[in-house]
Amino acid sequence: GVTSQKRLPGINVPTMKEQGYDVVLG
């Protein structure tokens, strides 16, 4: 999981948010 709003370019890791967890922090 990654804490970005959207998936990072070139990095195929699902965001926390798309997995259903409201965790967005830079």
PDB file of all heavy atoms in Angstrom:
ATOM      1  N   GLY A   1       0.818  -1.205   0.000  1.00  0.00           N
ATOM      2  CA  GLY A   1       0.000   0.000   0.000  1.00  0.00           C
ATOM      3  C   GLY A   1       0.849   1.252   0.000  1.00  0.00           C
ATOM      4  O   GLY A   1       1.938   1.273   0.582  1.00  0.00           O
ATOM      5  N   VAL A   2       0.358   2.280  -0.657  1.00  0.00           N
ATOM      6  CA  VAL A   2       1.059   3.560  -0.693  1.00  0.00           C
ATOM      7  C   VAL A   2       0.086   4.661  -0.283  1.00  0.00           C
ATOM      8  O   VAL A   2      -1.115   4.569  -0.550  1.00  0.00           O
ATOM      9  CB  VAL A   2       1.656   3.827  -2.105  1.00  0.00           C
ATOM     10  CG1 VAL A   2       0.548   3.981  -3.143  1.00  0.00           C
ATOM     11  CG2 VAL A   2       2.554   5.048  -2.112  1.00  0.00           C
ATOM     12  N   THR A   3       0.589   5.691   0.399  1.00  0.00           N
ATOM     13  CA  THR A   3      -0.287   6.708   0.995  1.00  0.00           C
ATOM     14  C   THR A   3      -0.587   7.880   0.063  1.00  0.00           C
ATOM     15  O   THR A   3      -0.981   8.942   0.522  1.00  0.00           O
ATOM     16  CB  THR A   3       0.336   7.248   2.299  1.00  0.00           C
ATOM     17  OG1 THR A   3       1.596   7.887   2.000  1.00  0.00           O
ATOM     18  CG2 THR A   3       0.557   6.129   3.304  1.00  0.00           C
ATOM     19  N   SER A   4      -0.409   7.679  -1.221  1.00  0.00           N
ATOM     20  CA  SER A   4      -0.707   8.739  -2.196  1.00  0.00           C
ATOM     21  C   SER A   4      -2.186   8.728  -2.571  1.00  0.00           C
ATOM     22  O   SER A   4      -2.907   7.747  -2.330  1.00  0.00           O
ATOM     23  CB  SER A   4       0.147   8.550  -3.455  1.00  0.00           C
ATOM     24  OG  SER A   4      -0.008   7.243  -3.974  1.00  0.00           O
ATOM     25  N   GLN A   5      -2.628   9.830  -3.169  1.00  0.00           N
ATOM     26  CA  GLN A   5      -4.022   9.946  -3.617  1.00  0.00           C
ATOM     27  C   GLN A   5      -4.281   9.014  -4.794  1.00  0.00           C
ATOM     28  O   GLN A   5      -5.331   8.377  -4.887  1.00  0.00           O
ATOM     29  CB  GLN A   5      -4.315  11.396  -4.033  1.00  0.00           C
ATOM     30  CG  GLN A   5      -5.764  11.681  -4.380  1.00  0.00           C
ATOM     31  CD  GLN A   5      -6.655  11.782  -3.151  1.00  0.00           C
ATOM     32  OE1 GLN A   5      -6.211  12.191  -2.087  1.00  0.00           O
ATOM     33  NE2 GLN A   5      -7.925  11.406  -3.286  1.00  0.00           N
ATOM     34  N   LYS A   6      -3.294   8.930  -5.693  1.00  0.00           N
ATOM     35  CA  LYS A   6      -3.380   8.058  -6.865  1.00  0.00           C
ATOM     36  C   LYS A   6      -2.120   7.202  -6.921  1.00  0.00           C
ATOM     37  O   LYS A   6      -1.112   7.516  -6.287  1.00  0.00           O
ATOM     38  CB  LYS A   6      -3.507   8.886  -8.151  1.00  0.00           C
ATOM     39  CG  LYS A   6      -4.752   9.747  -8.213  1.00  0.00           C
ATOM     40  CD  LYS A   6      -4.773  10.554  -9.514  1.00  0.00           C
ATOM     41  CE  LYS A   6      -6.021  11.435  -9.592  1.00  0.00           C
ATOM     42  NZ  LYS A   6      -6.046  12.247 -10.837  1.00  0.00           N
ATOM     43  N   ARG A   7      -2.165   6.135  -7.701  1.00  0.00           N
ATOM     44  CA  ARG A   7      -0.975   5.288  -7.842  1.00  0.00           C
ATOM     45  C   ARG A   7       0.191   6.099  -8.389  1.00  0.00           C
ATOM     46  O   ARG A   7       0.014   6.963  -9.255  1.00  0.00           O
ATOM     47  CB  ARG A   7      -1.262   4.105  -8.761  1.00  0.00           C
ATOM     48  CG  ARG A   7      -2.214   3.089  -8.158  1.00  0.00           C
ATOM     49  CD  ARG A   7      -2.115   1.747  -8.850  1.00  0.00           C
ATOM     50  NE  ARG A   7      -3.087   0.790  -8.331  1.00  0.00           N
ATOM     51  CZ  ARG A   7      -3.011  -0.529  -8.505  1.00  0.00           C
ATOM     52  NH1 ARG A   7      -1.999  -1.038  -9.208  1.00  0.00           N
ATOM     53  NH2 ARG A   7      -3.932  -1.323  -7.993  1.00  0.00           N
ATOM     54  N   LEU A   8       1.375   5.806  -7.880  1.00  0.00           N
ATOM     55  CA  LEU A   8       2.555   6.531  -8.315  1.00  0.00           C
ATOM     56  C   LEU A   8       2.965   6.072  -9.707  1.00  0.00           C
ATOM     57  O   LEU A   8       2.914   4.872 -10.016  1.00  0.00           O
ATOM     58  CB  LEU A   8       3.705   6.306  -7.333  1.00  0.00           C
ATOM     59  CG  LEU A   8       3.433   6.725  -5.879  1.00  0.00           C
ATOM     60  CD1 LEU A   8       4.632   6.392  -4.998  1.00  0.00           C
ATOM     61  CD2 LEU A   8       3.143   8.229  -5.812  1.00  0.00           C
ATOM     62  N   PRO A   9       3.381   6.998 -10.579  1.00  0.00           N
ATOM     63  CA  PRO A   9       3.774   6.645 -11.947  1.00  0.00           C
ATOM     64  C   PRO A   9       4.889   5.597 -11.957  1.00  0.00           C
ATOM     65  O   PRO A   9       5.896   5.725 -11.262  1.00  0.00           O
ATOM     66  CB  PRO A   9       4.277   7.977 -12.518  1.00  0.00           C
ATOM     67  CG  PRO A   9       3.623   9.030 -11.683  1.00  0.00           C
ATOM     68  CD  PRO A   9       3.502   8.436 -10.315  1.00  0.00           C
ATOM     69  N   GLY A  10       4.682   4.552 -12.740  1.00  0.00           N
ATOM     70  CA  GLY A  10       5.702   3.526 -12.889  1.00  0.00           C
ATOM     71  C   GLY A  10       5.839   2.590 -11.701  1.00  0.00           C
ATOM     72  O   GLY A  10       6.718   1.722 -11.693  1.00  0.00           O
ATOM     73  N   ILE A  11       4.995   2.768 -10.676  1.00  0.00           N
ATOM     74  CA  ILE A  11       5.078   1.930  -9.474  1.00  0.00           C
ATOM     75  C   ILE A  11       3.717   1.271  -9.261  1.00  0.00           C
ATOM     76  O   ILE A  11       2.751   1.930  -8.887  1.00  0.00           O
ATOM     77  CB  ILE A  11       5.463   2.763  -8.240  1.00  0.00           C
ATOM     78  CG1 ILE A  11       6.832   3.425  -8.459  1.00  0.00           C
ATOM     79  CG2 ILE A  11       5.492   1.899  -6.999  1.00  0.00           C
ATOM     80  CD1 ILE A  11       7.225   4.386  -7.374  1.00  0.00           C
ATOM     81  N   ASN A  12       3.645  -0.021  -9.509  1.00  0.00           N
ATOM     82  CA  ASN A  12       2.358  -0.718  -9.470  1.00  0.00           C
ATOM     83  C   ASN A  12       2.030  -1.176  -8.047  1.00  0.00           C
ATOM     84  O   ASN A  12       2.050  -2.364  -7.727  1.00  0.00           O
ATOM     85  CB  ASN A  12       2.391  -1.910 -10.421  1.00  0.00           C
ATOM     86  CG  ASN A  12       1.021  -2.553 -10.572  1.00  0.00           C
ATOM     87  OD1 ASN A  12      -0.005  -1.867 -10.453  1.00  0.00           O
ATOM     88  ND2 ASN A  12       0.992  -3.847 -10.814  1.00  0.00           N
ATOM     89  N   VAL A  13       1.744  -0.193  -7.191  1.00  0.00           N
ATOM     90  CA  VAL A  13       1.382  -0.476  -5.803  1.00  0.00           C
ATOM     91  C   VAL A  13       0.028   0.178  -5.533  1.00  0.00           C
ATOM     92  O   VAL A  13      -0.137   1.378  -5.777  1.00  0.00           O
ATOM     93  CB  VAL A  13       2.432   0.079  -4.822  1.00  0.00           C
ATOM     94  CG1 VAL A  13       2.038  -0.255  -3.386  1.00  0.00           C
ATOM     95  CG2 VAL A  13       3.811  -0.467  -5.133  1.00  0.00           C
ATOM     96  N   PRO A  14      -0.956  -0.579  -5.056  1.00  0.00           N
ATOM     97  CA  PRO A  14      -2.277   0.007  -4.804  1.00  0.00           C
ATOM     98  C   PRO A  14      -2.223   1.039  -3.679  1.00  0.00           C
ATOM     99  O   PRO A  14      -1.485   0.871  -2.707  1.00  0.00           O
ATOM    100  CB  PRO A  14      -3.132  -1.198  -4.397  1.00  0.00           C
ATOM    101  CG  PRO A  14      -2.154  -2.205  -3.877  1.00  0.00           C
ATOM    102  CD  PRO A  14      -0.912  -2.009  -4.696  1.00  0.00           C
ATOM    103  N   THR A  15      -2.981   2.101  -3.831  1.00  0.00           N
ATOM    104  CA  THR A  15      -3.039   3.118  -2.784  1.00  0.00           C
ATOM    105  C   THR A  15      -3.863   2.586  -1.608  1.00  0.00           C
ATOM    106  O   THR A  15      -4.671   1.664  -1.759  1.00  0.00           O
ATOM    107  CB  THR A  15      -3.680   4.416  -3.286  1.00  0.00           C
ATOM    108  OG1 THR A  15      -5.070   4.177  -3.561  1.00  0.00           O
ATOM    109  CG2 THR A  15      -2.986   4.924  -4.546  1.00  0.00           C
ATOM    110  N   MET A  16      -3.653   3.172  -0.464  1.00  0.00           N
ATOM    111  CA  MET A  16      -4.457   2.806   0.699  1.00  0.00           C
ATOM    112  C   MET A  16      -5.925   3.130   0.428  1.00  0.00           C
ATOM    113  O   MET A  16      -6.829   2.375   0.791  1.00  0.00           O
ATOM    114  CB  MET A  16      -3.959   3.564   1.934  1.00  0.00           C
ATOM    115  CG  MET A  16      -2.522   3.271   2.310  1.00  0.00           C
ATOM    116  SD  MET A  16      -2.277   1.593   2.906  1.00  0.00           S
ATOM    117  CE  MET A  16      -3.023   1.726   4.530  1.00  0.00           C
ATOM    118  N   LYS A  17      -6.129   4.252  -0.241  1.00  0.00           N
ATOM    119  CA  LYS A  17      -7.494   4.728  -0.476  1.00  0.00           C
ATOM    120  C   LYS A  17      -8.264   3.771  -1.391  1.00  0.00           C
ATOM    121  O   LYS A  17      -9.444   3.482  -1.147  1.00  0.00           O
ATOM    122  CB  LYS A  17      -7.460   6.128  -1.068  1.00  0.00           C
ATOM    123  CG  LYS A  17      -8.809   6.819  -1.034  1.00  0.00           C
ATOM    124  CD  LYS A  17      -8.670   8.315  -1.248  1.00  0.00           C
ATOM    125  CE  LYS A  17     -10.011   9.016  -1.050  1.00  0.00           C
ATOM    126  NZ  LYS A  17      -9.899  10.479  -1.181  1.00  0.00           N
ATOM    127  N   GLU A  18      -7.619   3.274  -2.439  1.00  0.00           N
ATOM    128  CA  GLU A  18      -8.336   2.377  -3.356  1.00  0.00           C
ATOM    129  C   GLU A  18      -8.637   1.026  -2.705  1.00  0.00           C
ATOM    130  O   GLU A  18      -9.504   0.287  -3.162  1.00  0.00           O
ATOM    131  CB  GLU A  18      -7.555   2.180  -4.654  1.00  0.00           C
ATOM    132  CG  GLU A  18      -6.334   1.306  -4.560  1.00  0.00           C
ATOM    133  CD  GLU A  18      -5.612   1.159  -5.900  1.00  0.00           C
ATOM    134  OE1 GLU A  18      -4.851   2.068  -6.279  1.00  0.00           O
ATOM    135  OE2 GLU A  18      -5.820   0.124  -6.554  1.00  0.00           O
ATOM    136  N   GLN A  19      -7.930   0.728  -1.623  1.00  0.00           N
ATOM    137  CA  GLN A  19      -8.197  -0.504  -0.877  1.00  0.00           C
ATOM    138  C   GLN A  19      -9.264  -0.303   0.198  1.00  0.00           C
ATOM    139  O   GLN A  19      -9.599  -1.228   0.933  1.00  0.00           O
ATOM    140  CB  GLN A  19      -6.904  -1.020  -0.241  1.00  0.00           C
ATOM    141  CG  GLN A  19      -5.835  -1.413  -1.255  1.00  0.00           C
ATOM    142  CD  GLN A  19      -4.575  -1.950  -0.587  1.00  0.00           C
ATOM    143  OE1 GLN A  19      -4.534  -3.095  -0.133  1.00  0.00           O
ATOM    144  NE2 GLN A  19      -3.541  -1.134  -0.515  1.00  0.00           N
ATOM    145  N   GLY A  20      -9.773   0.933   0.280  1.00  0.00           N
ATOM    146  CA  GLY A  20     -10.867   1.204   1.205  1.00  0.00           C
ATOM    147  C   GLY A  20     -10.462   1.858   2.508  1.00  0.00           C
ATOM    148  O   GLY A  20     -11.284   1.970   3.425  1.00  0.00           O
ATOM    149  N   TYR A  21      -9.203   2.319   2.593  1.00  0.00           N
ATOM    150  CA  TYR A  21      -8.714   2.938   3.819  1.00  0.00           C
ATOM    151  C   TYR A  21      -8.355   4.401   3.543  1.00  0.00           C
ATOM    152  O   TYR A  21      -7.508   4.690   2.697  1.00  0.00           O
ATOM    153  CB  TYR A  21      -7.484   2.189   4.341  1.00  0.00           C
ATOM    154  CG  TYR A  21      -7.690   0.694   4.385  1.00  0.00           C
ATOM    155  CD1 TYR A  21      -6.926  -0.157   3.580  1.00  0.00           C
ATOM    156  CD2 TYR A  21      -8.661   0.125   5.200  1.00  0.00           C
ATOM    157  CE1 TYR A  21      -7.113  -1.525   3.604  1.00  0.00           C
ATOM    158  CE2 TYR A  21      -8.868  -1.244   5.226  1.00  0.00           C
ATOM    159  CZ  TYR A  21      -8.087  -2.072   4.416  1.00  0.00           C
ATOM    160  OH  TYR A  21      -8.295  -3.426   4.436  1.00  0.00           O
ATOM    161  N   ASP A  22      -9.003   5.296   4.240  1.00  0.00           N
ATOM    162  CA  ASP A  22      -8.813   6.726   3.992  1.00  0.00           C
ATOM    163  C   ASP A  22      -7.521   7.217   4.658  1.00  0.00           C
ATOM    164  O   ASP A  22      -7.536   7.908   5.680  1.00  0.00           O
ATOM    165  CB  ASP A  22     -10.025   7.511   4.517  1.00  0.00           C
ATOM    166  CG  ASP A  22      -9.983   8.965   4.073  1.00  0.00           C
ATOM    167  OD1 ASP A  22      -9.229   9.274   3.135  1.00  0.00           O
ATOM    168  OD2 ASP A  22     -10.700   9.789   4.674  1.00  0.00           O
ATOM    169  N   VAL A  23      -6.420   6.831   4.065  1.00  0.00           N
ATOM    170  CA  VAL A  23      -5.103   7.208   4.568  1.00  0.00           C
ATOM    171  C   VAL A  23      -4.309   7.829   3.417  1.00  0.00           C
ATOM    172  O   VAL A  23      -3.766   7.126   2.568  1.00  0.00           O
ATOM    173  CB  VAL A  23      -4.337   5.993   5.134  1.00  0.00           C
ATOM    174  CG1 VAL A  23      -2.961   6.423   5.649  1.00  0.00           C
ATOM    175  CG2 VAL A  23      -5.131   5.317   6.245  1.00  0.00           C
ATOM    176  N   VAL A  24      -4.291   9.155   3.386  1.00  0.00           N
ATOM    177  CA  VAL A  24      -3.541   9.892   2.373  1.00  0.00           C
ATOM    178  C   VAL A  24      -2.653  10.883   3.106  1.00  0.00           C
ATOM    179  O   VAL A  24      -3.135  11.777   3.807  1.00  0.00           O
ATOM    180  CB  VAL A  24      -4.477  10.639   1.398  1.00  0.00           C
ATOM    181  CG1 VAL A  24      -3.653  11.441   0.384  1.00  0.00           C
ATOM    182  CG2 VAL A  24      -5.404   9.666   0.683  1.00  0.00           C
ATOM    183  N   LEU A  25      -1.354  10.707   2.982  1.00  0.00           N
ATOM    184  CA  LEU A  25      -0.423  11.572   3.700  1.00  0.00           C
ATOM    185  C   LEU A  25       0.907  11.603   2.954  1.00  0.00           C
ATOM    186  O   LEU A  25       1.485  10.566   2.648  1.00  0.00           O
ATOM    187  CB  LEU A  25      -0.203  11.053   5.129  1.00  0.00           C
ATOM    188  CG  LEU A  25       0.674  11.926   6.037  1.00  0.00           C
ATOM    189  CD1 LEU A  25       0.009  13.267   6.312  1.00  0.00           C
ATOM    190  CD2 LEU A  25       0.942  11.203   7.362  1.00  0.00           C
ATOM    191  N   GLY A  26       1.369  12.813   2.660  1.00  0.00           N
ATOM    192  CA  GLY A  26       2.626  12.969   1.945  1.00  0.00           C
ATOM    193  C   GLY A  26       3.781  13.319   2.854  1.00  0.00           C
ATOM    194  O   GLY A  26       3.601  13.896   3.928  1.00  0.00           O
TER     195      GLY A  26
END
